[in-house]
Each structure stands twice: as structure tokens, then as C-alpha cells.
Amino acid sequence: MENPMDTYRTLDLYEAAYLEENGERLLDVQVHAGGKRVEFIFPASAAAVAATYGQGQVNARSFSHTLRDLKIKMYAAKAAN
């Protein structure tokens, strides 16, 4: 795992999907608060893309597939915890 200072972290599933849709690579999914919170971890470069969240556009079908894939990863991380 990279140094936390070299990463961008979000608790927002939709923001994580937006970042992936814009080419950012998901590094890890971490579970916190007894499985109630999930944190998506990206390279620090994702911060620049995250600044456009809510203003940018993505393909709806691809975004829905990315959401589904992130949910699978999220539930797998919760199950492993």
C-alpha cells in the first residue's frame, strides 16, 4: 500500500465511480467503523479529477457498470473484514 500522503481517499461510492470512469486506478478498499464505512483509495493524482466531480460528464452505461463493480469490491472487503 502506498503512503497515505500519496493517496486520495473518498467515502463516496459515486465519486469513486466517477474517478474510475476518468481513468484513475483504484488502489484499495478499506473497511472502517466495524464494517459501516468503506473508504476507496486512489493515487494522489485523483485529487485533480475529484475537483471536477459534479461538473464532468461520463457515459451512463459505463458508469452504472463501474458502480456495480465497486459495490462488488465493497461487499467483498466487508466480508473479508
PDB file of N, CA and C in Angstrom:
ATOM      1  N   MET A   1       0.839  -1.185   0.000  1.00  0.00           N
ATOM      2  CA  MET A   1       0.000   0.000   0.000  1.00  0.00           C
ATOM      3  C   MET A   1       0.877   1.239   0.000  1.00  0.00           C
ATOM      4  N   GLU A   2       0.461   2.223  -0.734  1.00  0.00           N
ATOM      5  CA  GLU A   2       1.220   3.464  -0.816  1.00  0.00           C
ATOM      6  C   GLU A   2       1.094   4.259   0.480  1.00  0.00           C
ATOM      7  N   ASN A   3       2.003   5.199   0.657  1.00  0.00           N
ATOM      8  CA  ASN A   3       1.965   6.117   1.780  1.00  0.00           C
ATOM      9  C   ASN A   3       0.639   6.885   1.744  1.00  0.00           C
ATOM     10  N   PRO A   4      -0.067   7.025   2.885  1.00  0.00           N
ATOM     11  CA  PRO A   4      -1.349   7.747   2.890  1.00  0.00           C
ATOM     12  C   PRO A   4      -1.254   9.168   2.343  1.00  0.00           C
ATOM     13  N   MET A   5      -0.091   9.776   2.425  1.00  0.00           N
ATOM     14  CA  MET A   5       0.079  11.120   1.879  1.00  0.00           C
ATOM     15  C   MET A   5       0.124  11.107   0.353  1.00  0.00           C
ATOM     16  N   ASP A   6       0.359   9.949  -0.231  1.00  0.00           N
ATOM     17  CA  ASP A   6       0.427   9.813  -1.680  1.00  0.00           C
ATOM     18  C   ASP A   6      -0.869   9.281  -2.267  1.00  0.00           C
ATOM     19  N   THR A   7      -1.949   9.386  -1.505  1.00  0.00           N
ATOM     20  CA  THR A   7      -3.213   8.834  -1.967  1.00  0.00           C
ATOM     21  C   THR A   7      -4.332   9.861  -1.835  1.00  0.00           C
ATOM     22  N   TYR A   8      -5.400   9.613  -2.569  1.00  0.00           N
ATOM     23  CA  TYR A   8      -6.638  10.366  -2.443  1.00  0.00           C
ATOM     24  C   TYR A   8      -7.683   9.380  -1.948  1.00  0.00           C
ATOM     25  N   ARG A   9      -8.396   9.737  -0.890  1.00  0.00           N
ATOM     26  CA  ARG A   9      -9.360   8.835  -0.272  1.00  0.00           C
ATOM     27  C   ARG A   9     -10.752   9.456  -0.294  1.00  0.00           C
ATOM     28  N   THR A  10     -11.748   8.631  -0.546  1.00  0.00           N
ATOM     29  CA  THR A  10     -13.129   9.096  -0.521  1.00  0.00           C
ATOM     30  C   THR A  10     -14.028   8.017   0.078  1.00  0.00           C
ATOM     31  N   LEU A  11     -15.069   8.461   0.750  1.00  0.00           N
ATOM     32  CA  LEU A  11     -16.084   7.554   1.280  1.00  0.00           C
ATOM     33  C   LEU A  11     -17.274   7.466   0.330  1.00  0.00           C
ATOM     34  N   ASP A  12     -17.276   8.287  -0.696  1.00  0.00           N
ATOM     35  CA  ASP A  12     -18.403   8.423  -1.623  1.00  0.00           C
ATOM     36  C   ASP A  12     -18.291   7.418  -2.779  1.00  0.00           C
ATOM     37  N   LEU A  13     -19.209   6.483  -2.817  1.00  0.00           N
ATOM     38  CA  LEU A  13     -19.217   5.455  -3.864  1.00  0.00           C
ATOM     39  C   LEU A  13     -19.316   6.078  -5.254  1.00  0.00           C
ATOM     40  N   TYR A  14     -20.169   7.080  -5.398  1.00  0.00           N
ATOM     41  CA  TYR A  14     -20.369   7.693  -6.711  1.00  0.00           C
ATOM     42  C   TYR A  14     -19.140   8.491  -7.152  1.00  0.00           C
ATOM     43  N   GLU A  15     -18.480   9.139  -6.209  1.00  0.00           N
ATOM     44  CA  GLU A  15     -17.239   9.838  -6.545  1.00  0.00           C
ATOM     45  C   GLU A  15     -16.174   8.833  -6.971  1.00  0.00           C
ATOM     46  N   ALA A  16     -16.104   7.706  -6.277  1.00  0.00           N
ATOM     47  CA  ALA A  16     -15.144   6.664  -6.643  1.00  0.00           C
ATOM     48  C   ALA A  16     -15.410   6.158  -8.061  1.00  0.00           C
ATOM     49  N   ALA A  17     -16.682   5.965  -8.392  1.00  0.00           N
ATOM     50  CA  ALA A  17     -17.029   5.525  -9.750  1.00  0.00           C
ATOM     51  C   ALA A  17     -16.644   6.587 -10.775  1.00  0.00           C
ATOM     52  N   TYR A  18     -16.881   7.844 -10.443  1.00  0.00           N
ATOM     53  CA  TYR A  18     -16.502   8.944 -11.335  1.00  0.00           C
ATOM     54  C   TYR A  18     -14.988   8.947 -11.577  1.00  0.00           C
ATOM     55  N   LEU A  19     -14.226   8.751 -10.510  1.00  0.00           N
ATOM     56  CA  LEU A  19     -12.767   8.727 -10.655  1.00  0.00           C
ATOM     57  C   LEU A  19     -12.330   7.578 -11.553  1.00  0.00           C
ATOM     58  N   GLU A  20     -12.913   6.402 -11.346  1.00  0.00           N
ATOM     59  CA  GLU A  20     -12.550   5.262 -12.208  1.00  0.00           C
ATOM     60  C   GLU A  20     -12.938   5.527 -13.656  1.00  0.00           C
ATOM     61  N   GLU A  21     -14.091   6.129 -13.867  1.00  0.00           N
ATOM     62  CA  GLU A  21     -14.533   6.442 -15.226  1.00  0.00           C
ATOM     63  C   GLU A  21     -13.607   7.437 -15.912  1.00  0.00           C
ATOM     64  N   ASN A  22     -12.887   8.210 -15.126  1.00  0.00           N
ATOM     65  CA  ASN A  22     -11.952   9.185 -15.683  1.00  0.00           C
ATOM     66  C   ASN A  22     -10.516   8.691 -15.643  1.00  0.00           C
ATOM     67  N   GLY A  23     -10.350   7.376 -15.543  1.00  0.00           N
ATOM     68  CA  GLY A  23      -9.029   6.778 -15.716  1.00  0.00           C
ATOM     69  C   GLY A  23      -8.189   6.617 -14.465  1.00  0.00           C
ATOM     70  N   GLU A  24      -8.724   6.959 -13.300  1.00  0.00           N
ATOM     71  CA  GLU A  24      -7.956   6.780 -12.069  1.00  0.00           C
ATOM     72  C   GLU A  24      -8.068   5.329 -11.606  1.00  0.00           C
ATOM     73  N   ARG A  25      -6.977   4.788 -11.131  1.00  0.00           N
ATOM     74  CA  ARG A  25      -6.910   3.381 -10.734  1.00  0.00           C
ATOM     75  C   ARG A  25      -7.206   3.241  -9.244  1.00  0.00           C
ATOM     76  N   LEU A  26      -8.175   2.415  -8.910  1.00  0.00           N
ATOM     77  CA  LEU A  26      -8.488   2.135  -7.514  1.00  0.00           C
ATOM     78  C   LEU A  26      -7.364   1.300  -6.927  1.00  0.00           C
ATOM     79  N   LEU A  27      -6.776   1.792  -5.832  1.00  0.00           N
ATOM     80  CA  LEU A  27      -5.669   1.084  -5.198  1.00  0.00           C
ATOM     81  C   LEU A  27      -6.151   0.082  -4.161  1.00  0.00           C
ATOM     82  N   ASP A  28      -7.164   0.479  -3.396  1.00  0.00           N
ATOM     83  CA  ASP A  28      -7.608  -0.372  -2.295  1.00  0.00           C
ATOM     84  C   ASP A  28      -8.991   0.059  -1.832  1.00  0.00           C
ATOM     85  N   VAL A  29      -9.659  -0.855  -1.151  1.00  0.00           N
ATOM     86  CA  VAL A  29     -10.921  -0.575  -0.476  1.00  0.00           C
ATOM     87  C   VAL A  29     -10.708  -0.978   0.971  1.00  0.00           C
ATOM     88  N   GLN A  30     -10.886  -0.025   1.890  1.00  0.00           N
ATOM     89  CA  GLN A  30     -10.685  -0.315   3.307  1.00  0.00           C
ATOM     90  C   GLN A  30     -11.995  -0.145   4.053  1.00  0.00           C
ATOM     91  N   VAL A  31     -12.238  -1.042   4.997  1.00  0.00           N
ATOM     92  CA  VAL A  31     -13.451  -1.022   5.801  1.00  0.00           C
ATOM     93  C   VAL A  31     -13.119  -0.428   7.166  1.00  0.00           C
ATOM     94  N   HIS A  32     -13.975   0.476   7.636  1.00  0.00           N
ATOM     95  CA  HIS A  32     -13.787   1.152   8.926  1.00  0.00           C
ATOM     96  C   HIS A  32     -15.083   1.084   9.728  1.00  0.00           C
ATOM     97  N   ALA A  33     -14.989   1.476  10.989  1.00  0.00           N
ATOM     98  CA  ALA A  33     -16.149   1.606  11.890  1.00  0.00           C
ATOM     99  C   ALA A  33     -16.953   0.306  11.965  1.00  0.00           C
ATOM    100  N   GLY A  34     -16.240  -0.791  12.138  1.00  0.00           N
ATOM    101  CA  GLY A  34     -16.932  -2.065  12.290  1.00  0.00           C
ATOM    102  C   GLY A  34     -17.714  -2.499  11.066  1.00  0.00           C
ATOM    103  N   GLY A  35     -17.268  -2.100   9.905  1.00  0.00           N
ATOM    104  CA  GLY A  35     -17.919  -2.507   8.662  1.00  0.00           C
ATOM    105  C   GLY A  35     -19.001  -1.552   8.188  1.00  0.00           C
ATOM    106  N   LYS A  36     -19.155  -0.420   8.861  1.00  0.00           N
ATOM    107  CA  LYS A  36     -20.200   0.534   8.482  1.00  0.00           C
ATOM    108  C   LYS A  36     -19.742   1.580   7.482  1.00  0.00           C
ATOM    109  N   ARG A  37     -18.429   1.765   7.371  1.00  0.00           N
ATOM    110  CA  ARG A  37     -17.877   2.746   6.433  1.00  0.00           C
ATOM    111  C   ARG A  37     -16.850   2.084   5.546  1.00  0.00           C
ATOM    112  N   VAL A  38     -16.883   2.435   4.281  1.00  0.00           N
ATOM    113  CA  VAL A  38     -15.917   1.912   3.320  1.00  0.00           C
ATOM    114  C   VAL A  38     -15.203   3.096   2.683  1.00  0.00           C
ATOM    115  N   GLU A  39     -13.877   2.996   2.622  1.00  0.00           N
ATOM    116  CA  GLU A  39     -13.060   4.058   2.050  1.00  0.00           C
ATOM    117  C   GLU A  39     -12.403   3.540   0.769  1.00  0.00           C
ATOM    118  N   PHE A  40     -12.556   4.312  -0.298  1.00  0.00           N
ATOM    119  CA  PHE A  40     -11.955   3.975  -1.582  1.00  0.00           C
ATOM    120  C   PHE A  40     -10.670   4.782  -1.707  1.00  0.00           C
ATOM    121  N   ILE A  41      -9.581   4.109  -2.058  1.00  0.00           N
ATOM    122  CA  ILE A  41      -8.267   4.750  -2.076  1.00  0.00           C
ATOM    123  C   ILE A  41      -7.716   4.760  -3.499  1.00  0.00           C
ATOM    124  N   PHE A  42      -7.312   5.950  -3.933  1.00  0.00           N
ATOM    125  CA  PHE A  42      -6.785   6.191  -5.271  1.00  0.00           C
ATOM    126  C   PHE A  42      -5.419   6.861  -5.162  1.00  0.00           C
ATOM    127  N   PRO A  43      -4.650   6.896  -6.262  1.00  0.00           N
ATOM    128  CA  PRO A  43      -3.399   7.659  -6.254  1.00  0.00           C
ATOM    129  C   PRO A  43      -3.693   9.141  -5.995  1.00  0.00           C
ATOM    130  N   ALA A  44      -2.712   9.861  -5.504  1.00  0.00           N
ATOM    131  CA  ALA A  44      -2.880  11.287  -5.196  1.00  0.00           C
ATOM    132  C   ALA A  44      -3.327  12.090  -6.415  1.00  0.00           C
ATOM    133  N   SER A  45      -2.982  11.636  -7.602  1.00  0.00           N
ATOM    134  CA  SER A  45      -3.366  12.348  -8.828  1.00  0.00           C
ATOM    135  C   SER A  45      -4.881  12.424  -8.993  1.00  0.00           C
ATOM    136  N   ALA A  46      -5.616  11.578  -8.303  1.00  0.00           N
ATOM    137  CA  ALA A  46      -7.075  11.573  -8.409  1.00  0.00           C
ATOM    138  C   ALA A  46      -7.693  12.835  -7.820  1.00  0.00           C
ATOM    139  N   ALA A  47      -6.968  13.545  -6.969  1.00  0.00           N
ATOM    140  CA  ALA A  47      -7.499  14.769  -6.361  1.00  0.00           C
ATOM    141  C   ALA A  47      -7.860  15.804  -7.425  1.00  0.00           C
ATOM    142  N   ALA A  48      -7.057  15.899  -8.466  1.00  0.00           N
ATOM    143  CA  ALA A  48      -7.334  16.858  -9.537  1.00  0.00           C
ATOM    144  C   ALA A  48      -8.613  16.480 -10.280  1.00  0.00           C
ATOM    145  N   VAL A  49      -8.821  15.194 -10.503  1.00  0.00           N
ATOM    146  CA  VAL A  49     -10.038  14.731 -11.173  1.00  0.00           C
ATOM    147  C   VAL A  49     -11.237  14.921 -10.247  1.00  0.00           C
ATOM    148  N   ALA A  50     -11.046  14.648  -8.959  1.00  0.00           N
ATOM    149  CA  ALA A  50     -12.134  14.788  -7.989  1.00  0.00           C
ATOM    150  C   ALA A  50     -12.632  16.229  -7.924  1.00  0.00           C
ATOM    151  N   ALA A  51     -11.766  17.184  -8.207  1.00  0.00           N
ATOM    152  CA  ALA A  51     -12.164  18.586  -8.191  1.00  0.00           C
ATOM    153  C   ALA A  51     -13.221  18.892  -9.250  1.00  0.00           C
ATOM    154  N   THR A  52     -13.326  18.038 -10.268  1.00  0.00           N
ATOM    155  CA  THR A  52     -14.329  18.245 -11.327  1.00  0.00           C
ATOM    156  C   THR A  52     -15.581  17.407 -11.100  1.00  0.00           C
ATOM    157  N   TYR A  53     -15.620  16.657  -9.991  1.00  0.00           N
ATOM    158  CA  TYR A  53     -16.781  15.810  -9.682  1.00  0.00           C
ATOM    159  C   TYR A  53     -18.025  16.690  -9.559  1.00  0.00           C
ATOM    160  N   GLY A  54     -19.076  16.295 -10.228  1.00  0.00           N
ATOM    161  CA  GLY A  54     -20.306  17.081 -10.219  1.00  0.00           C
ATOM    162  C   GLY A  54     -20.401  18.040 -11.390  1.00  0.00           C
ATOM    163  N   GLN A  55     -19.296  18.206 -12.111  1.00  0.00           N
ATOM    164  CA  GLN A  55     -19.288  19.106 -13.263  1.00  0.00           C
ATOM    165  C   GLN A  55     -18.984  18.359 -14.551  1.00  0.00           C
ATOM    166  N   GLY A  56     -18.292  17.236 -14.416  1.00  0.00           N
ATOM    167  CA  GLY A  56     -17.894  16.474 -15.596  1.00  0.00           C
ATOM    168  C   GLY A  56     -19.000  15.556 -16.082  1.00  0.00           C
ATOM    169  N   GLN A  57     -18.758  14.939 -17.205  1.00  0.00           N
ATOM    170  CA  GLN A  57     -19.722  14.010 -17.781  1.00  0.00           C
ATOM    171  C   GLN A  57     -19.055  12.659 -18.008  1.00  0.00           C
ATOM    172  N   VAL A  58     -19.837  11.601 -17.825  1.00  0.00           N
ATOM    173  CA  VAL A  58     -19.378  10.246 -18.103  1.00  0.00           C
ATOM    174  C   VAL A  58     -20.486   9.514 -18.846  1.00  0.00           C
ATOM    175  N   ASN A  59     -20.137   8.436 -19.493  1.00  0.00           N
ATOM    176  CA  ASN A  59     -21.105   7.601 -20.174  1.00  0.00           C
ATOM    177  C   ASN A  59     -21.964   6.887 -19.130  1.00  0.00           C
ATOM    178  N   ALA A  60     -23.271   7.027 -19.228  1.00  0.00           N
ATOM    179  CA  ALA A  60     -24.185   6.492 -18.214  1.00  0.00           C
ATOM    180  C   ALA A  60     -24.087   4.976 -18.075  1.00  0.00           C
ATOM    181  N   ARG A  61     -24.044   4.269 -19.172  1.00  0.00           N
ATOM    182  CA  ARG A  61     -23.978   2.807 -19.108  1.00  0.00           C
ATOM    183  C   ARG A  61     -22.678   2.342 -18.474  1.00  0.00           C
ATOM    184  N   SER A  62     -21.584   2.935 -18.892  1.00  0.00           N
ATOM    185  CA  SER A  62     -20.288   2.578 -18.332  1.00  0.00           C
ATOM    186  C   SER A  62     -20.231   2.925 -16.845  1.00  0.00           C
ATOM    187  N   PHE A  63     -20.797   4.074 -16.464  1.00  0.00           N
ATOM    188  CA  PHE A  63     -20.822   4.498 -15.064  1.00  0.00           C
ATOM    189  C   PHE A  63     -21.604   3.494 -14.215  1.00  0.00           C
ATOM    190  N   SER A  64     -22.729   3.009 -14.723  1.00  0.00           N
ATOM    191  CA  SER A  64     -23.525   2.038 -13.962  1.00  0.00           C
ATOM    192  C   SER A  64     -22.773   0.723 -13.796  1.00  0.00           C
ATOM    193  N   HIS A  65     -22.014   0.314 -14.801  1.00  0.00           N
ATOM    194  CA  HIS A  65     -21.197  -0.902 -14.687  1.00  0.00           C
ATOM    195  C   HIS A  65     -20.071  -0.696 -13.667  1.00  0.00           C
ATOM    196  N   THR A  66     -19.474   0.481 -13.670  1.00  0.00           N
ATOM    197  CA  THR A  66     -18.417   0.778 -12.703  1.00  0.00           C
ATOM    198  C   THR A  66     -18.978   0.789 -11.289  1.00  0.00           C
ATOM    199  N   LEU A  67     -20.171   1.354 -11.109  1.00  0.00           N
ATOM    200  CA  LEU A  67     -20.826   1.329  -9.794  1.00  0.00           C
ATOM    201  C   LEU A  67     -21.037  -0.102  -9.326  1.00  0.00           C
ATOM    202  N   ARG A  68     -21.520  -0.944 -10.224  1.00  0.00           N
ATOM    203  CA  ARG A  68     -21.756  -2.352  -9.879  1.00  0.00           C
ATOM    204  C   ARG A  68     -20.448  -3.028  -9.467  1.00  0.00           C
ATOM    205  N   ASP A  69     -19.391  -2.795 -10.219  1.00  0.00           N
ATOM    206  CA  ASP A  69     -18.094  -3.402  -9.903  1.00  0.00           C
ATOM    207  C   ASP A  69     -17.551  -2.906  -8.558  1.00  0.00           C
ATOM    208  N   LEU A  70     -17.732  -1.611  -8.281  1.00  0.00           N
ATOM    209  CA  LEU A  70     -17.275  -1.071  -7.000  1.00  0.00           C
ATOM    210  C   LEU A  70     -18.078  -1.648  -5.835  1.00  0.00           C
ATOM    211  N   LYS A  71     -19.367  -1.843  -6.043  1.00  0.00           N
ATOM    212  CA  LYS A  71     -20.189  -2.444  -4.991  1.00  0.00           C
ATOM    213  C   LYS A  71     -19.729  -3.867  -4.702  1.00  0.00           C
ATOM    214  N   ILE A  72     -19.390  -4.608  -5.726  1.00  0.00           N
ATOM    215  CA  ILE A  72     -18.874  -5.971  -5.537  1.00  0.00           C
ATOM    216  C   ILE A  72     -17.593  -5.923  -4.715  1.00  0.00           C
ATOM    217  N   LYS A  73     -16.684  -5.009  -5.045  1.00  0.00           N
ATOM    218  CA  LYS A  73     -15.432  -4.874  -4.296  1.00  0.00           C
ATOM    219  C   LYS A  73     -15.704  -4.433  -2.856  1.00  0.00           C
ATOM    220  N   MET A  74     -16.674  -3.547  -2.685  1.00  0.00           N
ATOM    221  CA  MET A  74     -17.012  -3.050  -1.361  1.00  0.00           C
ATOM    222  C   MET A  74     -17.545  -4.180  -0.475  1.00  0.00           C
ATOM    223  N   TYR A  75     -18.479  -4.972  -1.001  1.00  0.00           N
ATOM    224  CA  TYR A  75     -19.039  -6.063  -0.217  1.00  0.00           C
ATOM    225  C   TYR A  75     -18.017  -7.167   0.043  1.00  0.00           C
ATOM    226  N   ALA A  76     -17.098  -7.373  -0.908  1.00  0.00           N
ATOM    227  CA  ALA A  76     -16.035  -8.355  -0.693  1.00  0.00           C
ATOM    228  C   ALA A  76     -15.103  -7.882   0.428  1.00  0.00           C
ATOM    229  N   ALA A  77     -14.800  -6.596   0.461  1.00  0.00           N
ATOM    230  CA  ALA A  77     -13.945  -6.062   1.527  1.00  0.00           C
ATOM    231  C   ALA A  77     -14.639  -6.185   2.882  1.00  0.00           C
ATOM    232  N   LYS A  78     -15.949  -5.936   2.906  1.00  0.00           N
ATOM    233  CA  LYS A  78     -16.706  -6.069   4.170  1.00  0.00           C
ATOM    234  C   LYS A  78     -16.726  -7.520   4.630  1.00  0.00           C
ATOM    235  N   ALA A  79     -16.895  -8.436   3.691  1.00  0.00           N
ATOM    236  CA  ALA A  79     -16.951  -9.858   4.050  1.00  0.00           C
ATOM    237  C   ALA A  79     -15.606 -10.348   4.570  1.00  0.00           C
ATOM    238  N   ALA A  80     -14.522  -9.804   4.036  1.00  0.00           N
ATOM    239  CA  ALA A  80     -13.185 -10.224   4.444  1.00  0.00           C
ATOM    240  C   ALA A  80     -12.798  -9.659   5.811  1.00  0.00           C
ATOM    241  N   ASN A  81     -13.513  -8.637   6.218  1.00  0.00           N
ATOM    242  CA  ASN A  81     -13.183  -7.955   7.475  1.00  0.00           C
ATOM    243  C   ASN A  81     -13.813  -8.606   8.662  1.00  0.00           C
TER     244      ASN A  81
END
